[in-house]
Amino acid sequence: FFFFQAEDGIRDFCLSRGLGDVYKRQYQRRVHGVHVFKSIIKDANFVPGAGASEMALSTRLESYANTVHGLEQYSINKYAKSFEIIPRILIENAGLNANTLLSTLYSANQGDKTAGIDVESGEITDSSKLVIYDHLRTKIMAINLATDAALTVLRVDQIIVAKPAGGPKPRDNKGWDNDE
């Protein structure tokens, strides 16, 4: 007898007698597959995959950052750079040189192009030719979750820096480091 949380908040359970952990994990994967299929049926919007949508977001955010001045420009640029992590991981997992392919991918995504990484050939290709797509709703939820996590870390860091440290005041030890 075990419980697992479904993506829609409903708690599912399964009564199994004599099944081990392997069967339980297989059952959970199958139910996860059903939930993925259900979410695709509910919302059938897709974006170009193979790192193309992340690069498009990164280039558009960088061009927007150039219109903003001050600390906001710096933070928007860093946020834009964070989107290149997904294509970098795709390239590195394929065993390719990330530095050269990322610069090629940046130049290939200028304008309204959707160039992605073909991990089999190691080339930059239009993602519609690759027929690789990501589910839009899942992509939006992942970006929101990662942004919220980063903001939470920044808030906690700001609280720690702003709060004065407790404890006793340091003693006034004049001349403690003299050799006399």
N, C-alpha and C. Protein backbone atom coordinates (compact mmCIF):
# COMPACT_ATOMS: atom_id res chain seq x y z
N PHE A 1 0.85 -1.17 0.00
CA PHE A 1 0.00 0.00 0.00
C PHE A 1 0.89 1.23 0.00
N PHE A 2 0.79 2.10 -1.02
CA PHE A 2 1.63 3.28 -1.06
C PHE A 2 0.87 4.44 -1.69
N PHE A 3 1.28 5.64 -1.32
CA PHE A 3 0.70 6.88 -1.83
C PHE A 3 1.71 7.59 -2.71
N PHE A 4 1.20 8.33 -3.67
CA PHE A 4 2.05 9.28 -4.40
C PHE A 4 1.17 10.44 -4.83
N GLN A 5 1.80 11.59 -4.96
CA GLN A 5 1.09 12.84 -5.25
C GLN A 5 1.02 13.02 -6.76
N ALA A 6 -0.18 13.22 -7.28
CA ALA A 6 -0.36 13.49 -8.70
C ALA A 6 -0.13 14.97 -8.96
N GLU A 7 0.08 15.33 -10.25
CA GLU A 7 0.39 16.72 -10.56
C GLU A 7 -0.81 17.65 -10.36
N ASP A 8 -2.03 17.11 -10.37
CA ASP A 8 -3.20 17.97 -10.18
C ASP A 8 -3.58 18.10 -8.71
N GLY A 9 -2.73 17.63 -7.81
CA GLY A 9 -2.95 17.80 -6.39
C GLY A 9 -3.75 16.66 -5.75
N ILE A 10 -4.31 15.79 -6.55
CA ILE A 10 -5.08 14.68 -6.01
C ILE A 10 -4.11 13.58 -5.58
N ARG A 11 -4.39 13.02 -4.44
CA ARG A 11 -3.51 11.99 -3.93
C ARG A 11 -3.98 10.64 -4.45
N ASP A 12 -3.13 9.93 -5.17
CA ASP A 12 -3.45 8.61 -5.69
C ASP A 12 -2.84 7.56 -4.78
N PHE A 13 -3.42 6.39 -4.79
CA PHE A 13 -2.84 5.32 -4.00
C PHE A 13 -3.03 4.00 -4.74
N CYS A 14 -2.24 3.05 -4.37
CA CYS A 14 -2.31 1.73 -4.98
C CYS A 14 -2.13 0.70 -3.87
N LEU A 15 -2.96 -0.31 -3.89
CA LEU A 15 -2.84 -1.40 -2.95
C LEU A 15 -2.13 -2.53 -3.65
N SER A 16 -0.95 -2.84 -3.19
CA SER A 16 -0.18 -3.92 -3.81
C SER A 16 0.26 -4.87 -2.72
N ARG A 17 0.13 -6.15 -3.01
CA ARG A 17 0.50 -7.15 -2.03
C ARG A 17 1.67 -7.96 -2.58
N GLY A 18 2.77 -7.89 -1.86
CA GLY A 18 3.91 -8.69 -2.24
C GLY A 18 4.77 -8.07 -3.34
N LEU A 19 4.47 -6.84 -3.72
CA LEU A 19 5.27 -6.21 -4.76
C LEU A 19 6.45 -5.48 -4.14
N GLY A 20 7.56 -5.52 -4.80
CA GLY A 20 8.75 -4.85 -4.31
C GLY A 20 8.81 -3.41 -4.78
N ASP A 21 9.92 -2.76 -4.44
CA ASP A 21 10.13 -1.37 -4.82
C ASP A 21 10.25 -1.19 -6.32
N VAL A 22 10.75 -2.19 -7.02
CA VAL A 22 10.90 -2.09 -8.48
C VAL A 22 9.53 -1.94 -9.13
N TYR A 23 8.59 -2.78 -8.72
CA TYR A 23 7.24 -2.70 -9.30
C TYR A 23 6.55 -1.39 -8.92
N LYS A 24 6.81 -0.93 -7.72
CA LYS A 24 6.21 0.33 -7.29
C LYS A 24 6.72 1.49 -8.14
N ARG A 25 8.02 1.52 -8.41
CA ARG A 25 8.58 2.58 -9.26
C ARG A 25 8.05 2.48 -10.69
N GLN A 26 7.91 1.25 -11.20
CA GLN A 26 7.36 1.08 -12.55
C GLN A 26 5.92 1.59 -12.62
N TYR A 27 5.14 1.30 -11.59
CA TYR A 27 3.76 1.78 -11.55
C TYR A 27 3.72 3.30 -11.51
N GLN A 28 4.59 3.92 -10.70
CA GLN A 28 4.62 5.37 -10.62
C GLN A 28 5.03 5.99 -11.95
N ARG A 29 5.97 5.37 -12.67
CA ARG A 29 6.36 5.88 -14.00
C ARG A 29 5.20 5.78 -14.98
N ARG A 30 4.45 4.70 -14.92
CA ARG A 30 3.31 4.56 -15.83
C ARG A 30 2.25 5.60 -15.54
N VAL A 31 1.97 5.84 -14.27
CA VAL A 31 0.98 6.85 -13.92
C VAL A 31 1.49 8.23 -14.31
N HIS A 32 2.80 8.49 -14.16
CA HIS A 32 3.37 9.75 -14.60
C HIS A 32 3.19 9.92 -16.10
N GLY A 33 3.37 8.86 -16.87
CA GLY A 33 3.17 8.92 -18.31
C GLY A 33 1.73 9.26 -18.67
N VAL A 34 0.78 8.72 -17.91
CA VAL A 34 -0.63 9.05 -18.13
C VAL A 34 -0.88 10.52 -17.84
N HIS A 35 -0.27 11.06 -16.79
CA HIS A 35 -0.45 12.48 -16.46
C HIS A 35 0.19 13.38 -17.51
N VAL A 36 1.33 12.95 -18.06
CA VAL A 36 1.95 13.72 -19.14
C VAL A 36 1.04 13.74 -20.36
N PHE A 37 0.49 12.60 -20.71
CA PHE A 37 -0.43 12.53 -21.84
C PHE A 37 -1.66 13.39 -21.60
N LYS A 38 -2.17 13.38 -20.36
CA LYS A 38 -3.34 14.19 -20.02
C LYS A 38 -3.03 15.68 -20.16
N SER A 39 -1.85 16.11 -19.74
CA SER A 39 -1.51 17.53 -19.85
C SER A 39 -1.31 17.94 -21.31
N ILE A 40 -0.82 17.03 -22.14
CA ILE A 40 -0.67 17.34 -23.57
C ILE A 40 -2.03 17.45 -24.23
N ILE A 41 -2.97 16.62 -23.83
CA ILE A 41 -4.32 16.69 -24.40
C ILE A 41 -5.01 17.98 -23.96
N LYS A 42 -4.83 18.39 -22.71
CA LYS A 42 -5.46 19.62 -22.22
C LYS A 42 -4.91 20.85 -22.91
N ASP A 43 -3.59 20.90 -23.13
CA ASP A 43 -2.96 22.07 -23.72
C ASP A 43 -1.96 21.57 -24.76
N ALA A 44 -2.33 21.68 -26.03
CA ALA A 44 -1.52 21.13 -27.11
C ALA A 44 -0.62 22.17 -27.74
N ASN A 45 -0.11 23.12 -26.96
CA ASN A 45 0.81 24.13 -27.47
C ASN A 45 2.24 23.69 -27.21
N PHE A 46 3.06 23.80 -28.25
CA PHE A 46 4.45 23.39 -28.16
C PHE A 46 5.36 24.52 -28.64
N VAL A 47 6.59 24.50 -28.17
CA VAL A 47 7.61 25.47 -28.59
C VAL A 47 8.78 24.68 -29.18
N PRO A 48 9.60 25.32 -30.00
CA PRO A 48 10.75 24.61 -30.56
C PRO A 48 11.66 24.08 -29.47
N GLY A 49 12.13 22.86 -29.66
CA GLY A 49 12.99 22.22 -28.67
C GLY A 49 14.45 22.29 -29.08
N ALA A 50 15.24 21.39 -28.56
CA ALA A 50 16.67 21.27 -28.83
C ALA A 50 17.43 22.52 -28.41
N GLY A 51 16.94 23.22 -27.39
CA GLY A 51 17.61 24.42 -26.89
C GLY A 51 17.25 25.69 -27.64
N ALA A 52 16.37 25.59 -28.63
CA ALA A 52 16.03 26.77 -29.45
C ALA A 52 15.20 27.78 -28.67
N SER A 53 14.24 27.33 -27.91
CA SER A 53 13.39 28.28 -27.18
C SER A 53 14.18 28.99 -26.08
N GLU A 54 15.11 28.28 -25.43
CA GLU A 54 15.93 28.91 -24.40
C GLU A 54 16.85 29.97 -25.00
N MET A 55 17.42 29.67 -26.17
CA MET A 55 18.29 30.64 -26.82
C MET A 55 17.49 31.85 -27.31
N ALA A 56 16.26 31.61 -27.77
CA ALA A 56 15.41 32.73 -28.19
C ALA A 56 15.08 33.62 -27.00
N LEU A 57 14.77 33.01 -25.85
CA LEU A 57 14.51 33.79 -24.65
C LEU A 57 15.75 34.57 -24.22
N SER A 58 16.89 33.93 -24.29
CA SER A 58 18.13 34.57 -23.88
C SER A 58 18.46 35.77 -24.77
N THR A 59 18.36 35.62 -26.08
CA THR A 59 18.70 36.73 -26.97
C THR A 59 17.70 37.87 -26.85
N ARG A 60 16.43 37.55 -26.67
CA ARG A 60 15.43 38.62 -26.52
C ARG A 60 15.58 39.35 -25.19
N LEU A 61 15.90 38.62 -24.13
CA LEU A 61 16.12 39.28 -22.85
C LEU A 61 17.38 40.15 -22.87
N GLU A 62 18.41 39.69 -23.57
CA GLU A 62 19.63 40.50 -23.68
C GLU A 62 19.37 41.78 -24.47
N SER A 63 18.57 41.69 -25.53
CA SER A 63 18.26 42.91 -26.29
C SER A 63 17.39 43.85 -25.47
N TYR A 64 16.51 43.30 -24.63
CA TYR A 64 15.72 44.15 -23.74
C TYR A 64 16.61 44.79 -22.68
N ALA A 65 17.58 44.05 -22.19
CA ALA A 65 18.48 44.58 -21.16
C ALA A 65 19.28 45.77 -21.68
N ASN A 66 19.54 45.80 -22.97
CA ASN A 66 20.27 46.93 -23.54
C ASN A 66 19.46 48.23 -23.52
N THR A 67 18.14 48.13 -23.36
CA THR A 67 17.30 49.32 -23.30
C THR A 67 17.15 49.83 -21.87
N VAL A 68 17.54 49.01 -20.89
CA VAL A 68 17.41 49.37 -19.48
C VAL A 68 18.78 49.80 -18.96
N HIS A 69 18.80 50.69 -17.98
CA HIS A 69 20.08 51.16 -17.43
C HIS A 69 20.15 50.88 -15.94
N GLY A 70 21.36 50.82 -15.42
CA GLY A 70 21.57 50.64 -13.98
C GLY A 70 21.68 49.18 -13.59
N LEU A 71 21.37 48.94 -12.31
CA LEU A 71 21.45 47.58 -11.78
C LEU A 71 20.44 46.64 -12.43
N GLU A 72 19.32 47.19 -12.90
CA GLU A 72 18.32 46.36 -13.57
C GLU A 72 18.90 45.72 -14.82
N GLN A 73 19.73 46.48 -15.55
CA GLN A 73 20.35 45.95 -16.75
C GLN A 73 21.25 44.76 -16.42
N TYR A 74 22.01 44.87 -15.35
CA TYR A 74 22.90 43.79 -14.94
C TYR A 74 22.10 42.54 -14.56
N SER A 75 21.03 42.71 -13.79
CA SER A 75 20.26 41.54 -13.37
C SER A 75 19.51 40.91 -14.54
N ILE A 76 19.02 41.72 -15.47
CA ILE A 76 18.34 41.15 -16.64
C ILE A 76 19.33 40.40 -17.51
N ASN A 77 20.54 40.94 -17.66
CA ASN A 77 21.58 40.23 -18.43
C ASN A 77 21.93 38.89 -17.79
N LYS A 78 22.06 38.85 -16.48
CA LYS A 78 22.37 37.59 -15.80
C LYS A 78 21.22 36.59 -15.91
N TYR A 79 19.99 37.11 -15.84
CA TYR A 79 18.82 36.24 -16.02
C TYR A 79 18.80 35.68 -17.44
N ALA A 80 19.15 36.50 -18.42
CA ALA A 80 19.20 36.04 -19.81
C ALA A 80 20.28 34.98 -19.98
N LYS A 81 21.43 35.18 -19.34
CA LYS A 81 22.52 34.20 -19.43
C LYS A 81 22.14 32.86 -18.80
N SER A 82 21.24 32.90 -17.82
CA SER A 82 20.85 31.65 -17.16
C SER A 82 20.10 30.71 -18.10
N PHE A 83 19.49 31.25 -19.15
CA PHE A 83 18.76 30.39 -20.09
C PHE A 83 19.68 29.60 -21.00
N GLU A 84 20.94 29.98 -21.08
CA GLU A 84 21.85 29.22 -21.94
C GLU A 84 22.36 27.95 -21.26
N ILE A 85 21.96 27.70 -20.03
CA ILE A 85 22.39 26.50 -19.33
C ILE A 85 21.82 25.25 -20.00
N ILE A 86 20.56 25.30 -20.41
CA ILE A 86 19.92 24.13 -21.03
C ILE A 86 20.64 23.73 -22.33
N PRO A 87 20.86 24.66 -23.28
CA PRO A 87 21.61 24.25 -24.47
C PRO A 87 23.04 23.79 -24.15
N ARG A 88 23.67 24.43 -23.16
CA ARG A 88 25.03 24.02 -22.78
C ARG A 88 25.03 22.58 -22.27
N ILE A 89 24.05 22.23 -21.44
CA ILE A 89 23.98 20.86 -20.93
C ILE A 89 23.70 19.88 -22.05
N LEU A 90 22.83 20.25 -23.00
CA LEU A 90 22.56 19.38 -24.14
C LEU A 90 23.84 19.13 -24.95
N ILE A 91 24.59 20.19 -25.18
CA ILE A 91 25.82 20.08 -25.96
C ILE A 91 26.86 19.23 -25.22
N GLU A 92 27.03 19.50 -23.92
CA GLU A 92 28.04 18.75 -23.16
C GLU A 92 27.66 17.28 -23.01
N ASN A 93 26.38 16.98 -22.83
CA ASN A 93 25.95 15.59 -22.72
C ASN A 93 26.11 14.83 -24.03
N ALA A 94 26.11 15.57 -25.14
CA ALA A 94 26.33 14.93 -26.44
C ALA A 94 27.82 14.74 -26.71
N GLY A 95 28.67 15.25 -25.82
CA GLY A 95 30.11 15.11 -25.98
C GLY A 95 30.70 16.09 -26.97
N LEU A 96 30.04 17.23 -27.15
CA LEU A 96 30.50 18.23 -28.11
C LEU A 96 31.13 19.40 -27.39
N ASN A 97 31.82 20.26 -28.12
CA ASN A 97 32.47 21.43 -27.55
C ASN A 97 31.42 22.52 -27.32
N ALA A 98 31.15 22.82 -26.07
CA ALA A 98 30.07 23.74 -25.71
C ALA A 98 30.39 25.18 -26.09
N ASN A 99 31.63 25.62 -25.94
CA ASN A 99 31.96 27.02 -26.20
C ASN A 99 31.76 27.40 -27.66
N THR A 100 32.23 26.57 -28.57
CA THR A 100 32.09 26.91 -30.00
C THR A 100 30.66 26.77 -30.47
N LEU A 101 29.97 25.71 -30.01
CA LEU A 101 28.59 25.51 -30.47
C LEU A 101 27.62 26.54 -29.88
N LEU A 102 27.87 27.00 -28.65
CA LEU A 102 26.99 28.02 -28.08
C LEU A 102 27.11 29.34 -28.82
N SER A 103 28.32 29.71 -29.20
CA SER A 103 28.46 30.95 -29.98
C SER A 103 27.82 30.82 -31.35
N THR A 104 27.92 29.65 -31.95
CA THR A 104 27.26 29.41 -33.23
C THR A 104 25.74 29.44 -33.05
N LEU A 105 25.27 28.88 -31.95
CA LEU A 105 23.83 28.87 -31.67
C LEU A 105 23.31 30.28 -31.43
N TYR A 106 24.08 31.12 -30.73
CA TYR A 106 23.69 32.51 -30.53
C TYR A 106 23.54 33.23 -31.87
N SER A 107 24.52 33.06 -32.74
CA SER A 107 24.45 33.76 -34.03
C SER A 107 23.35 33.18 -34.92
N ALA A 108 23.06 31.90 -34.79
CA ALA A 108 22.00 31.28 -35.60
C ALA A 108 20.61 31.69 -35.14
N ASN A 109 20.47 32.14 -33.89
CA ASN A 109 19.16 32.51 -33.36
C ASN A 109 18.89 34.00 -33.41
N GLN A 110 19.67 34.76 -34.16
CA GLN A 110 19.40 36.19 -34.29
C GLN A 110 18.16 36.37 -35.15
N GLY A 111 17.29 37.26 -34.73
CA GLY A 111 16.03 37.46 -35.44
C GLY A 111 14.97 36.51 -34.92
N ASP A 112 14.12 36.06 -35.80
CA ASP A 112 13.02 35.15 -35.42
C ASP A 112 13.32 33.71 -35.77
N LYS A 113 14.56 33.33 -35.81
CA LYS A 113 14.93 31.97 -36.16
C LYS A 113 14.87 31.08 -34.94
N THR A 114 14.68 29.79 -35.17
CA THR A 114 14.60 28.82 -34.09
C THR A 114 15.60 27.70 -34.34
N ALA A 115 16.85 28.01 -34.21
CA ALA A 115 17.90 27.02 -34.42
C ALA A 115 18.16 26.26 -33.13
N GLY A 116 18.31 24.95 -33.26
CA GLY A 116 18.58 24.10 -32.11
C GLY A 116 19.77 23.21 -32.37
N ILE A 117 20.08 22.37 -31.41
CA ILE A 117 21.24 21.50 -31.47
C ILE A 117 20.83 20.12 -31.94
N ASP A 118 21.44 19.66 -33.00
CA ASP A 118 21.27 18.29 -33.44
C ASP A 118 22.38 17.48 -32.78
N VAL A 119 22.04 16.77 -31.72
CA VAL A 119 23.06 16.08 -30.93
C VAL A 119 23.64 14.88 -31.66
N GLU A 120 22.95 14.37 -32.66
CA GLU A 120 23.47 13.22 -33.40
C GLU A 120 24.56 13.64 -34.38
N SER A 121 24.36 14.76 -35.08
CA SER A 121 25.35 15.20 -36.05
C SER A 121 26.30 16.24 -35.46
N GLY A 122 25.93 16.87 -34.36
CA GLY A 122 26.77 17.89 -33.75
C GLY A 122 26.68 19.23 -34.45
N GLU A 123 25.62 19.47 -35.18
CA GLU A 123 25.46 20.71 -35.93
C GLU A 123 24.27 21.50 -35.40
N ILE A 124 24.25 22.77 -35.74
CA ILE A 124 23.13 23.64 -35.41
C ILE A 124 22.16 23.62 -36.58
N THR A 125 20.92 23.24 -36.32
CA THR A 125 19.91 23.07 -37.36
C THR A 125 18.62 23.71 -36.90
N ASP A 126 17.77 24.07 -37.85
CA ASP A 126 16.45 24.60 -37.51
C ASP A 126 15.66 23.52 -36.79
N SER A 127 15.08 23.87 -35.64
CA SER A 127 14.43 22.85 -34.82
C SER A 127 13.18 22.28 -35.47
N SER A 128 12.57 22.99 -36.42
CA SER A 128 11.42 22.41 -37.13
C SER A 128 11.88 21.28 -38.05
N LYS A 129 13.09 21.36 -38.55
CA LYS A 129 13.63 20.25 -39.36
C LYS A 129 14.00 19.08 -38.47
N LEU A 130 14.41 19.38 -37.24
CA LEU A 130 14.74 18.31 -36.30
C LEU A 130 13.50 17.62 -35.75
N VAL A 131 12.36 18.28 -35.82
CA VAL A 131 11.08 17.81 -35.29
C VAL A 131 11.22 17.50 -33.80
N ILE A 132 11.80 18.45 -33.08
CA ILE A 132 11.93 18.35 -31.62
C ILE A 132 11.17 19.53 -31.03
N TYR A 133 10.20 19.23 -30.18
CA TYR A 133 9.37 20.26 -29.57
C TYR A 133 9.27 20.03 -28.07
N ASP A 134 9.08 21.12 -27.33
CA ASP A 134 8.86 21.06 -25.89
C ASP A 134 7.44 21.53 -25.61
N HIS A 135 6.84 20.95 -24.59
CA HIS A 135 5.48 21.34 -24.21
C HIS A 135 5.52 22.73 -23.56
N LEU A 136 4.72 23.65 -24.06
CA LEU A 136 4.76 25.04 -23.61
C LEU A 136 4.40 25.16 -22.13
N ARG A 137 3.36 24.49 -21.71
CA ARG A 137 2.92 24.60 -20.31
C ARG A 137 4.00 24.09 -19.36
N THR A 138 4.63 22.99 -19.72
CA THR A 138 5.71 22.45 -18.89
C THR A 138 6.89 23.40 -18.86
N LYS A 139 7.21 24.00 -20.00
CA LYS A 139 8.32 24.96 -20.08
C LYS A 139 8.05 26.18 -19.21
N ILE A 140 6.83 26.70 -19.26
CA ILE A 140 6.46 27.87 -18.44
C ILE A 140 6.54 27.54 -16.97
N MET A 141 6.04 26.36 -16.59
CA MET A 141 6.08 25.97 -15.18
C MET A 141 7.51 25.79 -14.70
N ALA A 142 8.38 25.24 -15.53
CA ALA A 142 9.79 25.05 -15.15
C ALA A 142 10.50 26.39 -14.98
N ILE A 143 10.24 27.33 -15.88
CA ILE A 143 10.86 28.65 -15.77
C ILE A 143 10.36 29.37 -14.52
N ASN A 144 9.05 29.30 -14.26
CA ASN A 144 8.50 29.94 -13.06
C ASN A 144 9.07 29.33 -11.79
N LEU A 145 9.19 28.02 -11.75
CA LEU A 145 9.71 27.34 -10.57
C LEU A 145 11.18 27.71 -10.33
N ALA A 146 11.98 27.73 -11.40
CA ALA A 146 13.40 28.08 -11.25
C ALA A 146 13.56 29.54 -10.84
N THR A 147 12.73 30.42 -11.39
CA THR A 147 12.80 31.84 -11.03
C THR A 147 12.41 32.04 -9.58
N ASP A 148 11.34 31.37 -9.14
CA ASP A 148 10.92 31.49 -7.74
C ASP A 148 11.98 30.95 -6.79
N ALA A 149 12.64 29.85 -7.17
CA ALA A 149 13.70 29.31 -6.32
C ALA A 149 14.87 30.29 -6.20
N ALA A 150 15.25 30.90 -7.31
CA ALA A 150 16.34 31.88 -7.28
C ALA A 150 15.97 33.10 -6.45
N LEU A 151 14.73 33.56 -6.58
CA LEU A 151 14.29 34.72 -5.80
C LEU A 151 14.24 34.40 -4.31
N THR A 152 13.85 33.18 -3.96
CA THR A 152 13.83 32.78 -2.56
C THR A 152 15.23 32.78 -1.97
N VAL A 153 16.19 32.26 -2.73
CA VAL A 153 17.58 32.27 -2.26
C VAL A 153 18.07 33.70 -2.08
N LEU A 154 17.73 34.58 -3.02
CA LEU A 154 18.16 35.97 -2.90
C LEU A 154 17.51 36.66 -1.71
N ARG A 155 16.24 36.35 -1.45
CA ARG A 155 15.55 36.96 -0.30
C ARG A 155 16.19 36.51 1.01
N VAL A 156 16.47 35.22 1.12
CA VAL A 156 17.10 34.69 2.33
C VAL A 156 18.48 35.31 2.50
N ASP A 157 19.23 35.43 1.43
CA ASP A 157 20.55 36.03 1.50
C ASP A 157 20.46 37.49 1.92
N GLN A 158 19.45 38.20 1.42
CA GLN A 158 19.27 39.60 1.79
C GLN A 158 18.91 39.73 3.26
N ILE A 159 18.11 38.82 3.77
CA ILE A 159 17.73 38.85 5.20
C ILE A 159 18.96 38.59 6.05
N ILE A 160 19.79 37.63 5.65
CA ILE A 160 20.98 37.30 6.43
C ILE A 160 21.95 38.47 6.45
N VAL A 161 22.13 39.14 5.31
CA VAL A 161 23.06 40.27 5.24
C VAL A 161 22.52 41.46 6.03
N ALA A 162 21.22 41.70 5.98
CA ALA A 162 20.63 42.86 6.63
C ALA A 162 20.53 42.71 8.14
N LYS A 163 20.43 41.48 8.62
CA LYS A 163 20.24 41.26 10.05
C LYS A 163 21.59 41.34 10.77
N PRO A 164 21.70 42.18 11.80
CA PRO A 164 22.96 42.25 12.53
C PRO A 164 23.19 40.95 13.31
N ALA A 165 24.43 40.57 13.36
CA ALA A 165 24.79 39.35 14.06
C ALA A 165 24.64 39.55 15.56
N GLY A 166 24.18 38.52 16.24
CA GLY A 166 24.01 38.59 17.68
C GLY A 166 25.29 38.21 18.39
N GLY A 167 25.21 38.15 19.68
CA GLY A 167 26.37 37.74 20.46
C GLY A 167 26.98 38.91 21.21
N PRO A 168 27.98 38.61 22.04
CA PRO A 168 28.59 39.68 22.84
C PRO A 168 29.43 40.61 21.97
N LYS A 169 29.57 41.81 22.45
CA LYS A 169 30.39 42.81 21.77
C LYS A 169 31.86 42.44 21.95
N PRO A 170 32.70 42.73 20.96
CA PRO A 170 34.12 42.41 21.11
C PRO A 170 34.77 43.30 22.17
N ARG A 171 35.73 42.74 22.87
CA ARG A 171 36.43 43.49 23.90
C ARG A 171 37.39 44.48 23.27
N ASP A 172 37.69 45.50 24.03
CA ASP A 172 38.64 46.49 23.57
C ASP A 172 40.03 46.06 24.02
N ASN A 173 40.72 45.32 23.18
CA ASN A 173 42.06 44.80 23.49
C ASN A 173 43.10 45.62 22.77
N LYS A 174 43.44 46.73 23.31
CA LYS A 174 44.44 47.58 22.68
C LYS A 174 45.81 46.96 22.86
N GLY A 175 46.56 46.94 21.78
CA GLY A 175 47.92 46.46 21.84
C GLY A 175 48.05 44.97 21.98
N TRP A 176 47.05 44.21 21.62
CA TRP A 176 47.11 42.75 21.80
C TRP A 176 48.09 42.09 20.84
N ASP A 177 48.40 42.75 19.75
CA ASP A 177 49.32 42.12 18.79
C ASP A 177 50.74 42.68 18.90
N ASN A 178 51.03 43.47 19.91
CA ASN A 178 52.39 43.97 20.08
C ASN A 178 53.29 42.88 20.61
N ASP A 179 54.52 42.92 20.26
CA ASP A 179 55.47 41.90 20.72
C ASP A 179 56.01 42.18 22.10
N GLU A 180 55.64 43.22 22.69
CA GLU A 180 56.17 43.61 24.01
C GLU A 180 55.61 42.78 25.12
